[in-house]
Amino acid sequence: MSGPATPHLPASANTSVQPTDSATPTLPTATAPPLPSPATFDVLPDLHKLLGRLINTSAQLPAPTPTPSQPSADGPLEMQHLGTEANHLKIKIQKAQKAVMALPDIDRTCEDQEEEIEDLEARIARLKDALRGLGEPPSGDKAEDADMSMTG
């Protein structure tokens, strides 16, 4: 991951070394599928409408004329038509369940995720320590010792 120097870093700081620690988790390289639309999971308005139609029917007095075999989409709903009208809601819930099951790593347990979080936090701590070490100037004693050992 080498790149051009940023205004805040010298060119030599942009070269990165991949960690060689075998315990370091690797990030997935495949791109995740796009997330489903939020409308996929929004079943409450449909449920509210269905229940409202059902309540309106029970609150009304019995109609003097026979009711049609197919109720209107917004009118009162008779109990015998509830199953038919609820199918739309059932299908929407099934699509939402299918969308959730298609998400990546849905089968991972909380323990797996917590373990990965701990590994990533440890990696962050190591990288911060390395950055702190790069930001500190070498101490005078160590630099003189290194010069002396080379000259003999």
N, C-alpha and C. Protein backbone atom coordinates (compact mmCIF):
# COMPACT_ATOMS: atom_id res chain seq x y z
N MET A 1 0.82 -1.17 0.00
CA MET A 1 0.00 0.00 0.00
C MET A 1 0.86 1.24 0.00
N SER A 2 1.67 1.42 -0.95
CA SER A 2 2.47 2.63 -1.06
C SER A 2 1.66 3.65 -1.81
N GLY A 3 1.88 4.88 -1.52
CA GLY A 3 1.15 5.93 -2.19
C GLY A 3 1.92 7.22 -2.11
N PRO A 4 1.41 8.26 -2.71
CA PRO A 4 2.09 9.55 -2.67
C PRO A 4 2.05 10.11 -1.26
N ALA A 5 3.01 10.95 -0.97
CA ALA A 5 3.11 11.54 0.35
C ALA A 5 1.94 12.49 0.57
N THR A 6 1.43 12.48 1.79
CA THR A 6 0.39 13.43 2.15
C THR A 6 1.05 14.66 2.73
N PRO A 7 0.32 15.74 2.86
CA PRO A 7 0.95 16.95 3.42
C PRO A 7 1.43 16.76 4.84
N HIS A 8 0.94 15.74 5.54
CA HIS A 8 1.31 15.57 6.94
C HIS A 8 2.39 14.53 7.16
N LEU A 9 2.70 13.74 6.16
CA LEU A 9 3.67 12.67 6.33
C LEU A 9 4.74 12.75 5.26
N PRO A 10 5.99 12.41 5.60
CA PRO A 10 7.03 12.34 4.57
C PRO A 10 6.79 11.13 3.68
N ALA A 11 7.40 11.12 2.52
CA ALA A 11 7.22 10.03 1.56
C ALA A 11 7.60 8.68 2.17
N SER A 12 8.62 8.65 3.04
CA SER A 12 9.06 7.39 3.62
C SER A 12 8.02 6.81 4.59
N ALA A 13 7.13 7.64 5.10
CA ALA A 13 6.14 7.16 6.06
C ALA A 13 4.97 6.46 5.39
N ASN A 14 4.85 6.56 4.08
CA ASN A 14 3.71 5.97 3.39
C ASN A 14 3.90 4.50 3.07
N THR A 15 5.08 4.00 3.12
CA THR A 15 5.26 2.58 2.86
C THR A 15 4.77 1.82 4.08
N SER A 16 4.00 0.80 3.85
CA SER A 16 3.46 0.05 4.98
C SER A 16 3.92 -1.39 4.87
N VAL A 17 4.08 -1.99 6.01
CA VAL A 17 4.49 -3.38 6.08
C VAL A 17 3.31 -4.17 6.62
N GLN A 18 2.94 -5.22 5.92
CA GLN A 18 1.85 -6.06 6.39
C GLN A 18 2.31 -6.82 7.62
N PRO A 19 1.42 -6.99 8.60
CA PRO A 19 1.81 -7.72 9.81
C PRO A 19 2.09 -9.18 9.48
N THR A 20 3.13 -9.71 10.13
CA THR A 20 3.50 -11.10 9.87
C THR A 20 3.05 -12.02 10.99
N ASP A 21 2.42 -11.45 12.01
CA ASP A 21 1.95 -12.22 13.13
C ASP A 21 0.84 -13.16 12.66
N SER A 22 0.97 -14.45 12.93
CA SER A 22 -0.04 -15.41 12.47
C SER A 22 -1.35 -15.26 13.23
N ALA A 23 -1.33 -14.62 14.41
CA ALA A 23 -2.55 -14.44 15.18
C ALA A 23 -3.37 -13.25 14.69
N THR A 24 -2.77 -12.43 13.83
CA THR A 24 -3.48 -11.26 13.32
C THR A 24 -4.53 -11.70 12.32
N PRO A 25 -5.79 -11.37 12.56
CA PRO A 25 -6.83 -11.79 11.61
C PRO A 25 -6.70 -11.02 10.31
N THR A 26 -7.04 -11.68 9.23
CA THR A 26 -7.01 -11.01 7.94
C THR A 26 -8.41 -10.51 7.64
N LEU A 27 -8.47 -9.37 7.03
CA LEU A 27 -9.75 -8.79 6.67
C LEU A 27 -10.24 -9.42 5.38
N PRO A 28 -11.55 -9.60 5.24
CA PRO A 28 -12.05 -10.20 4.01
C PRO A 28 -11.80 -9.29 2.82
N THR A 29 -11.38 -9.90 1.72
CA THR A 29 -11.08 -9.11 0.53
C THR A 29 -12.27 -9.01 -0.39
N ALA A 30 -13.22 -9.93 -0.28
CA ALA A 30 -14.40 -9.89 -1.14
C ALA A 30 -15.32 -8.76 -0.68
N THR A 31 -15.92 -8.11 -1.63
CA THR A 31 -16.83 -7.04 -1.28
C THR A 31 -18.15 -7.64 -0.83
N ALA A 32 -18.72 -7.03 0.16
CA ALA A 32 -20.00 -7.52 0.71
C ALA A 32 -21.13 -7.13 -0.24
N PRO A 33 -22.17 -7.93 -0.28
CA PRO A 33 -23.30 -7.58 -1.12
C PRO A 33 -23.96 -6.30 -0.59
N PRO A 34 -24.62 -5.57 -1.45
CA PRO A 34 -25.25 -4.33 -0.98
C PRO A 34 -26.34 -4.64 0.05
N LEU A 35 -26.50 -3.73 0.97
CA LEU A 35 -27.51 -3.92 2.00
C LEU A 35 -28.90 -3.73 1.41
N PRO A 36 -29.88 -4.48 1.90
CA PRO A 36 -31.24 -4.31 1.40
C PRO A 36 -31.79 -2.94 1.78
N SER A 37 -32.79 -2.52 1.06
CA SER A 37 -33.44 -1.24 1.32
C SER A 37 -34.10 -1.26 2.69
N PRO A 38 -34.09 -0.14 3.41
CA PRO A 38 -34.78 -0.11 4.71
C PRO A 38 -36.27 -0.42 4.60
N ALA A 39 -36.87 -0.14 3.45
CA ALA A 39 -38.28 -0.42 3.25
C ALA A 39 -38.56 -1.92 3.32
N THR A 40 -37.54 -2.74 3.08
CA THR A 40 -37.70 -4.19 3.16
C THR A 40 -38.15 -4.62 4.55
N PHE A 41 -37.69 -3.91 5.57
CA PHE A 41 -37.94 -4.29 6.95
C PHE A 41 -39.06 -3.47 7.60
N ASP A 42 -39.65 -2.57 6.87
CA ASP A 42 -40.67 -1.67 7.42
C ASP A 42 -42.05 -2.29 7.27
N VAL A 43 -42.42 -3.16 8.20
CA VAL A 43 -43.71 -3.84 8.14
C VAL A 43 -44.75 -3.20 9.05
N LEU A 44 -44.32 -2.33 9.94
CA LEU A 44 -45.26 -1.75 10.90
C LEU A 44 -46.37 -0.93 10.23
N PRO A 45 -46.10 -0.09 9.23
CA PRO A 45 -47.21 0.64 8.61
C PRO A 45 -48.25 -0.29 7.98
N ASP A 46 -47.79 -1.36 7.33
CA ASP A 46 -48.72 -2.31 6.72
C ASP A 46 -49.53 -3.03 7.79
N LEU A 47 -48.87 -3.41 8.88
CA LEU A 47 -49.57 -4.08 9.97
C LEU A 47 -50.59 -3.14 10.61
N HIS A 48 -50.21 -1.89 10.80
CA HIS A 48 -51.11 -0.89 11.37
C HIS A 48 -52.34 -0.70 10.49
N LYS A 49 -52.13 -0.62 9.20
CA LYS A 49 -53.24 -0.45 8.26
C LYS A 49 -54.19 -1.66 8.32
N LEU A 50 -53.61 -2.86 8.33
CA LEU A 50 -54.41 -4.08 8.37
C LEU A 50 -55.24 -4.16 9.66
N LEU A 51 -54.59 -3.89 10.80
CA LEU A 51 -55.31 -3.93 12.07
C LEU A 51 -56.36 -2.82 12.16
N GLY A 52 -56.04 -1.65 11.61
CA GLY A 52 -57.01 -0.56 11.60
C GLY A 52 -58.26 -0.91 10.80
N ARG A 53 -58.06 -1.56 9.69
CA ARG A 53 -59.21 -1.99 8.89
C ARG A 53 -60.03 -3.02 9.64
N LEU A 54 -59.38 -3.89 10.37
CA LEU A 54 -60.08 -4.93 11.13
C LEU A 54 -60.86 -4.30 12.30
N ILE A 55 -60.24 -3.34 12.98
CA ILE A 55 -60.90 -2.67 14.10
C ILE A 55 -62.10 -1.86 13.61
N ASN A 56 -61.95 -1.18 12.46
CA ASN A 56 -63.05 -0.40 11.91
C ASN A 56 -64.25 -1.28 11.62
N THR A 57 -64.01 -2.50 11.19
CA THR A 57 -65.10 -3.43 10.90
C THR A 57 -65.82 -3.82 12.18
N SER A 58 -65.06 -4.13 13.22
CA SER A 58 -65.69 -4.58 14.46
C SER A 58 -66.40 -3.44 15.19
N ALA A 59 -66.00 -2.20 14.94
CA ALA A 59 -66.63 -1.05 15.60
C ALA A 59 -67.91 -0.64 14.88
N GLN A 60 -68.07 -1.03 13.63
CA GLN A 60 -69.25 -0.64 12.86
C GLN A 60 -70.42 -1.57 13.17
N LEU A 61 -71.60 -1.02 12.98
CA LEU A 61 -72.80 -1.84 13.10
C LEU A 61 -72.89 -2.75 11.89
N PRO A 62 -73.52 -3.88 12.00
CA PRO A 62 -73.65 -4.76 10.85
C PRO A 62 -74.34 -4.05 9.69
N ALA A 63 -73.82 -4.28 8.51
CA ALA A 63 -74.35 -3.63 7.32
C ALA A 63 -75.68 -4.27 6.94
N PRO A 64 -76.64 -3.45 6.53
CA PRO A 64 -77.92 -4.02 6.16
C PRO A 64 -77.86 -4.77 4.84
N THR A 65 -76.90 -4.46 3.99
CA THR A 65 -76.77 -5.16 2.71
C THR A 65 -75.63 -6.15 2.79
N PRO A 66 -75.62 -7.21 2.01
CA PRO A 66 -74.53 -8.18 2.05
C PRO A 66 -73.22 -7.53 1.61
N THR A 67 -72.12 -7.96 2.22
CA THR A 67 -70.80 -7.42 1.87
C THR A 67 -70.30 -8.12 0.62
N PRO A 68 -69.53 -7.41 -0.20
CA PRO A 68 -68.97 -8.04 -1.41
C PRO A 68 -67.96 -9.12 -1.02
N SER A 69 -67.68 -10.01 -1.97
CA SER A 69 -66.75 -11.10 -1.68
C SER A 69 -65.32 -10.61 -1.56
N GLN A 70 -64.96 -9.54 -2.23
CA GLN A 70 -63.62 -8.97 -2.12
C GLN A 70 -63.71 -7.58 -1.51
N PRO A 71 -63.13 -7.35 -0.33
CA PRO A 71 -63.21 -6.03 0.30
C PRO A 71 -62.31 -5.05 -0.43
N SER A 72 -62.61 -3.76 -0.27
CA SER A 72 -61.74 -2.74 -0.88
C SER A 72 -60.43 -2.68 -0.11
N ALA A 73 -59.42 -2.10 -0.73
CA ALA A 73 -58.08 -2.09 -0.13
C ALA A 73 -58.00 -1.21 1.11
N ASP A 74 -58.87 -0.22 1.23
CA ASP A 74 -58.81 0.68 2.37
C ASP A 74 -60.05 0.62 3.25
N GLY A 75 -61.05 -0.09 2.83
CA GLY A 75 -62.30 -0.14 3.58
C GLY A 75 -62.23 -1.10 4.74
N PRO A 76 -63.33 -1.22 5.45
CA PRO A 76 -63.38 -2.16 6.58
C PRO A 76 -63.08 -3.58 6.13
N LEU A 77 -62.52 -4.37 7.03
CA LEU A 77 -62.11 -5.73 6.71
C LEU A 77 -62.89 -6.72 7.56
N GLU A 78 -63.57 -7.63 6.91
CA GLU A 78 -64.29 -8.68 7.62
C GLU A 78 -63.31 -9.76 8.05
N MET A 79 -63.63 -10.45 9.12
CA MET A 79 -62.75 -11.48 9.67
C MET A 79 -62.45 -12.59 8.65
N GLN A 80 -63.42 -12.96 7.84
CA GLN A 80 -63.19 -14.04 6.88
C GLN A 80 -62.19 -13.66 5.79
N HIS A 81 -61.92 -12.36 5.61
CA HIS A 81 -60.97 -11.90 4.59
C HIS A 81 -59.59 -11.58 5.18
N LEU A 82 -59.46 -11.76 6.47
CA LEU A 82 -58.20 -11.40 7.13
C LEU A 82 -57.01 -12.19 6.58
N GLY A 83 -57.16 -13.50 6.39
CA GLY A 83 -56.06 -14.33 5.89
C GLY A 83 -55.59 -13.89 4.52
N THR A 84 -56.54 -13.58 3.65
CA THR A 84 -56.20 -13.14 2.29
C THR A 84 -55.44 -11.81 2.33
N GLU A 85 -55.93 -10.90 3.14
CA GLU A 85 -55.31 -9.59 3.22
C GLU A 85 -53.96 -9.63 3.95
N ALA A 86 -53.79 -10.59 4.84
CA ALA A 86 -52.53 -10.69 5.59
C ALA A 86 -51.42 -11.34 4.76
N ASN A 87 -51.74 -11.96 3.65
CA ASN A 87 -50.72 -12.61 2.82
C ASN A 87 -49.66 -11.62 2.35
N HIS A 88 -50.07 -10.40 2.00
CA HIS A 88 -49.09 -9.38 1.57
C HIS A 88 -48.06 -9.13 2.68
N LEU A 89 -48.57 -9.03 3.90
CA LEU A 89 -47.68 -8.80 5.04
C LEU A 89 -46.77 -10.00 5.30
N LYS A 90 -47.31 -11.20 5.17
CA LYS A 90 -46.51 -12.41 5.36
C LYS A 90 -45.39 -12.48 4.33
N ILE A 91 -45.71 -12.17 3.09
CA ILE A 91 -44.70 -12.21 2.02
C ILE A 91 -43.61 -11.18 2.28
N LYS A 92 -44.00 -10.00 2.75
CA LYS A 92 -43.01 -8.95 3.05
C LYS A 92 -42.08 -9.39 4.18
N ILE A 93 -42.62 -10.04 5.20
CA ILE A 93 -41.80 -10.53 6.31
C ILE A 93 -40.86 -11.63 5.83
N GLN A 94 -41.34 -12.52 4.97
CA GLN A 94 -40.48 -13.58 4.43
C GLN A 94 -39.34 -13.01 3.60
N LYS A 95 -39.63 -11.96 2.81
CA LYS A 95 -38.56 -11.31 2.04
C LYS A 95 -37.53 -10.67 2.96
N ALA A 96 -37.99 -10.08 4.05
CA ALA A 96 -37.07 -9.47 5.01
C ALA A 96 -36.20 -10.54 5.66
N GLN A 97 -36.79 -11.68 6.02
CA GLN A 97 -36.01 -12.78 6.60
C GLN A 97 -34.98 -13.28 5.61
N LYS A 98 -35.36 -13.42 4.36
CA LYS A 98 -34.44 -13.88 3.33
C LYS A 98 -33.29 -12.88 3.15
N ALA A 99 -33.60 -11.58 3.20
CA ALA A 99 -32.57 -10.55 3.06
C ALA A 99 -31.58 -10.61 4.22
N VAL A 100 -32.07 -10.86 5.42
CA VAL A 100 -31.19 -10.96 6.60
C VAL A 100 -30.29 -12.18 6.48
N MET A 101 -30.86 -13.30 6.05
CA MET A 101 -30.07 -14.52 5.93
C MET A 101 -29.01 -14.42 4.84
N ALA A 102 -29.18 -13.52 3.88
CA ALA A 102 -28.20 -13.34 2.81
C ALA A 102 -27.04 -12.44 3.23
N LEU A 103 -27.15 -11.79 4.37
CA LEU A 103 -26.07 -10.90 4.83
C LEU A 103 -24.83 -11.72 5.18
N PRO A 104 -23.64 -11.14 4.97
CA PRO A 104 -22.42 -11.89 5.28
C PRO A 104 -22.25 -12.07 6.79
N ASP A 105 -21.68 -13.20 7.15
CA ASP A 105 -21.34 -13.54 8.55
C ASP A 105 -22.55 -13.59 9.47
N ILE A 106 -23.72 -13.86 8.93
CA ILE A 106 -24.92 -13.93 9.77
C ILE A 106 -24.84 -15.12 10.72
N ASP A 107 -24.04 -16.12 10.37
CA ASP A 107 -23.93 -17.31 11.20
C ASP A 107 -22.90 -17.17 12.31
N ARG A 108 -22.21 -16.04 12.39
CA ARG A 108 -21.19 -15.84 13.43
C ARG A 108 -21.84 -15.62 14.78
N THR A 109 -21.26 -16.21 15.80
CA THR A 109 -21.79 -16.04 17.15
C THR A 109 -21.24 -14.76 17.77
N CYS A 110 -21.84 -14.36 18.86
CA CYS A 110 -21.36 -13.19 19.60
C CYS A 110 -19.93 -13.41 20.09
N GLU A 111 -19.63 -14.63 20.51
CA GLU A 111 -18.29 -14.94 21.00
C GLU A 111 -17.25 -14.77 19.88
N ASP A 112 -17.60 -15.20 18.66
CA ASP A 112 -16.70 -15.02 17.53
C ASP A 112 -16.44 -13.54 17.29
N GLN A 113 -17.49 -12.74 17.34
CA GLN A 113 -17.34 -11.32 17.09
C GLN A 113 -16.55 -10.64 18.21
N GLU A 114 -16.79 -11.04 19.47
CA GLU A 114 -16.04 -10.47 20.58
C GLU A 114 -14.56 -10.83 20.49
N GLU A 115 -14.26 -12.05 20.06
CA GLU A 115 -12.87 -12.47 19.89
C GLU A 115 -12.19 -11.63 18.81
N GLU A 116 -12.88 -11.40 17.71
CA GLU A 116 -12.31 -10.58 16.64
C GLU A 116 -12.11 -9.14 17.12
N ILE A 117 -13.04 -8.62 17.90
CA ILE A 117 -12.89 -7.26 18.43
C ILE A 117 -11.66 -7.17 19.32
N GLU A 118 -11.46 -8.18 20.19
CA GLU A 118 -10.28 -8.19 21.06
C GLU A 118 -8.99 -8.24 20.24
N ASP A 119 -8.98 -9.07 19.19
CA ASP A 119 -7.80 -9.15 18.33
C ASP A 119 -7.52 -7.80 17.66
N LEU A 120 -8.58 -7.16 17.18
CA LEU A 120 -8.40 -5.87 16.51
C LEU A 120 -7.96 -4.79 17.49
N GLU A 121 -8.49 -4.81 18.72
CA GLU A 121 -8.06 -3.84 19.72
C GLU A 121 -6.59 -4.03 20.08
N ALA A 122 -6.16 -5.30 20.18
CA ALA A 122 -4.74 -5.57 20.47
C ALA A 122 -3.87 -5.09 19.31
N ARG A 123 -4.33 -5.30 18.09
CA ARG A 123 -3.58 -4.84 16.92
C ARG A 123 -3.47 -3.32 16.90
N ILE A 124 -4.58 -2.64 17.25
CA ILE A 124 -4.56 -1.18 17.31
C ILE A 124 -3.56 -0.71 18.35
N ALA A 125 -3.53 -1.36 19.51
CA ALA A 125 -2.59 -0.98 20.57
C ALA A 125 -1.15 -1.15 20.10
N ARG A 126 -0.87 -2.28 19.40
CA ARG A 126 0.50 -2.49 18.88
C ARG A 126 0.87 -1.43 17.86
N LEU A 127 -0.05 -1.08 16.99
CA LEU A 127 0.23 -0.06 15.98
C LEU A 127 0.42 1.31 16.60
N LYS A 128 -0.36 1.63 17.63
CA LYS A 128 -0.17 2.91 18.33
C LYS A 128 1.19 2.96 19.00
N ASP A 129 1.61 1.84 19.61
CA ASP A 129 2.94 1.80 20.23
C ASP A 129 4.03 2.01 19.19
N ALA A 130 3.86 1.37 18.04
CA ALA A 130 4.85 1.53 16.97
C ALA A 130 4.89 2.97 16.48
N LEU A 131 3.74 3.61 16.36
CA LEU A 131 3.71 5.00 15.93
C LEU A 131 4.34 5.92 16.97
N ARG A 132 4.07 5.63 18.26
CA ARG A 132 4.70 6.44 19.31
C ARG A 132 6.21 6.31 19.24
N GLY A 133 6.68 5.09 18.99
CA GLY A 133 8.13 4.87 18.89
C GLY A 133 8.74 5.61 17.71
N LEU A 134 8.00 5.72 16.63
CA LEU A 134 8.51 6.45 15.48
C LEU A 134 8.55 7.95 15.73
N GLY A 135 7.66 8.44 16.59
CA GLY A 135 7.58 9.87 16.85
C GLY A 135 8.60 10.36 17.86
N GLU A 136 9.24 9.47 18.60
CA GLU A 136 10.20 9.88 19.62
C GLU A 136 11.59 9.99 19.00
N PRO A 137 12.29 11.08 19.32
CA PRO A 137 13.67 11.19 18.82
C PRO A 137 14.56 10.19 19.54
N PRO A 138 15.59 9.71 18.89
CA PRO A 138 16.48 8.76 19.57
C PRO A 138 17.17 9.46 20.73
N SER A 139 17.35 8.73 21.82
CA SER A 139 18.02 9.33 22.99
C SER A 139 19.50 9.44 22.70
N GLY A 140 20.14 10.41 23.32
CA GLY A 140 21.56 10.68 23.06
C GLY A 140 22.46 9.53 23.44
N ASP A 141 22.19 8.82 24.54
CA ASP A 141 23.03 7.72 24.98
C ASP A 141 23.04 6.58 23.98
N LYS A 142 21.88 6.22 23.48
CA LYS A 142 21.80 5.10 22.56
C LYS A 142 22.49 5.43 21.24
N ALA A 143 22.36 6.67 20.79
CA ALA A 143 22.99 7.06 19.53
C ALA A 143 24.51 7.02 19.68
N GLU A 144 25.03 7.50 20.83
CA GLU A 144 26.48 7.49 21.05
C GLU A 144 26.98 6.05 21.17
N ASP A 145 26.25 5.19 21.86
CA ASP A 145 26.65 3.78 21.99
C ASP A 145 26.73 3.11 20.63
N ALA A 146 25.77 3.42 19.77
CA ALA A 146 25.76 2.80 18.45
C ALA A 146 26.98 3.29 17.64
N ASP A 147 27.32 4.58 17.76
CA ASP A 147 28.47 5.11 17.04
C ASP A 147 29.76 4.49 17.57
N MET A 148 29.87 4.32 18.87
CA MET A 148 31.07 3.76 19.47
C MET A 148 31.26 2.30 19.07
N SER A 149 30.19 1.53 19.05
CA SER A 149 30.33 0.13 18.75
C SER A 149 30.76 -0.08 17.31
N MET A 150 30.45 0.84 16.43
CA MET A 150 30.85 0.67 15.04
C MET A 150 32.32 1.04 14.83
N THR A 151 32.83 1.94 15.62
CA THR A 151 34.21 2.37 15.43
C THR A 151 35.18 1.51 16.20
N GLY A 152 34.69 0.79 17.14
CA GLY A 152 35.56 -0.12 17.69
C GLY A 152 35.97 -0.18 19.02
